[in-house]
Protein backbone atom coordinates (compact mmCIF):
# COMPACT_ATOMS: atom_id res chain seq x y z
CA UNK A 1 0.00 0.00 0.00
CA UNK A 2 1.55 3.27 -1.05
CA UNK A 3 -1.35 5.73 -0.83
CA UNK A 4 -3.25 6.49 2.37
CA UNK A 5 -7.02 6.94 2.32
CA UNK A 6 -7.68 7.09 6.07
CA UNK A 7 -6.01 7.96 9.35
CA UNK A 8 -5.46 4.24 9.99
CA UNK A 9 -3.62 4.05 6.66
CA UNK A 10 -1.40 7.00 7.62
CA UNK A 11 -0.62 5.48 11.03
CA UNK A 12 0.21 2.13 9.41
CA UNK A 13 2.50 3.79 6.84
CA UNK A 14 4.39 5.46 9.69
CA UNK A 15 4.60 2.36 11.89
CA UNK A 16 5.58 -0.07 9.13
CA UNK A 17 9.22 1.07 9.25
CA UNK A 18 9.58 -0.77 12.60
CA UNK A 19 10.70 2.35 14.49
CA UNK A 20 9.27 3.44 17.82
CA UNK A 21 6.70 6.25 17.49
CA UNK A 22 4.94 8.45 20.07
CA UNK A 23 1.48 9.92 19.47
CA UNK A 24 3.13 13.32 19.06
CA UNK A 25 5.56 12.10 16.43
CA UNK A 26 2.72 10.43 14.55
CA UNK A 27 0.66 13.64 14.77
CA UNK A 28 3.51 15.76 13.41
CA UNK A 29 4.34 13.41 10.54
CA UNK A 30 0.71 12.89 9.53
CA UNK A 31 0.07 16.64 9.67
CA UNK A 32 3.03 17.21 7.33
CA UNK A 33 1.88 14.48 4.91
CA UNK A 34 -1.74 15.70 4.81
CA UNK A 35 -1.06 19.39 4.21
CA UNK A 36 -1.90 20.48 7.73
CA UNK A 37 -4.73 18.12 8.77
CA UNK A 38 -4.48 17.63 12.54
CA UNK A 39 -5.56 14.45 14.35
CA UNK A 40 -5.73 14.32 18.14
CA UNK A 41 -4.41 11.58 20.42
CA UNK A 42 -7.82 9.82 20.72
CA UNK A 43 -8.05 9.51 16.93
CA UNK A 44 -4.51 8.18 16.62
CA UNK A 45 -5.15 5.76 19.48
CA UNK A 46 -8.25 4.48 17.64
CA UNK A 47 -6.19 4.03 14.45
CA UNK A 48 -3.62 1.98 16.38
CA UNK A 49 -6.45 -0.17 17.78
CA UNK A 50 -7.79 -0.62 14.25
CA UNK A 51 -4.46 -2.05 13.07
CA UNK A 52 -4.93 -4.83 15.65
CA UNK A 53 -8.27 -5.88 14.08
CA UNK A 54 -8.46 -8.80 11.64
CA UNK A 55 -9.80 -6.75 8.71
CA UNK A 56 -6.87 -4.32 8.90
CA UNK A 57 -4.35 -7.09 9.49
CA UNK A 58 -5.54 -8.67 6.25
CA UNK A 59 -5.53 -5.31 4.42
CA UNK A 60 -1.96 -4.52 5.51
CA UNK A 61 -0.76 -8.15 5.19
CA UNK A 62 0.27 -8.38 8.85
CA UNK A 63 1.17 -11.91 9.98
CA UNK A 64 -1.97 -13.36 11.61
CA UNK A 65 0.10 -15.65 13.85
CA UNK A 66 1.28 -12.63 15.88
CA UNK A 67 -1.00 -12.17 18.86
CA UNK A 68 -0.65 -8.37 18.95
CA UNK A 69 1.15 -6.67 16.04
CA UNK A 70 1.56 -3.40 17.95
CA UNK A 71 4.29 -3.33 20.59
CA UNK A 72 4.07 -0.66 23.29
CA UNK A 73 6.60 0.60 25.82
CA UNK A 74 6.49 3.39 28.38
CA UNK A 75 8.51 6.52 27.72
CA UNK A 76 11.03 6.93 30.55
CA UNK A 77 9.96 9.51 33.14
CA UNK A 78 6.71 10.21 31.26
CA UNK A 79 3.08 9.22 31.18
CA UNK A 80 3.27 8.50 27.46
CA UNK A 81 4.07 5.41 25.40
CA UNK A 82 5.93 4.57 22.23
CA UNK A 83 4.48 2.17 19.68
CA UNK A 84 5.88 0.10 16.85
CA UNK A 85 4.59 -2.46 14.40
CA UNK A 86 5.79 -6.04 14.57
CA UNK A 87 5.27 -7.52 11.12
CA UNK A 88 6.69 -11.00 11.70
CA UNK A 89 7.49 -13.42 14.50
CA UNK A 90 11.17 -12.53 14.02
CA UNK A 91 10.25 -8.97 14.99
CA UNK A 92 8.95 -10.04 18.40
CA UNK A 93 11.48 -9.11 21.05
CA UNK A 94 11.38 -9.07 24.81
CA UNK A 95 11.62 -5.50 26.02
């Protein structure tokens, strides 16, 4: 998939590189890619939840044998989290 049609598509395109992303980094990148369209944290959180659903896993060709394709870790000394996409069992790591 090279063209995004929804917020979930934009979030997936960001996460698919395997890097760790915060909500704020996702917001900034998506705003830049959409000519200034702003999405709040609740909308980005919903898009991340969508990626976990079977219909989106099939759409984005995410390995169905992975229990949860989105890995989350707490940001040190913060209330926030970082997220990344695990696209294969080889990508699963203990953090």
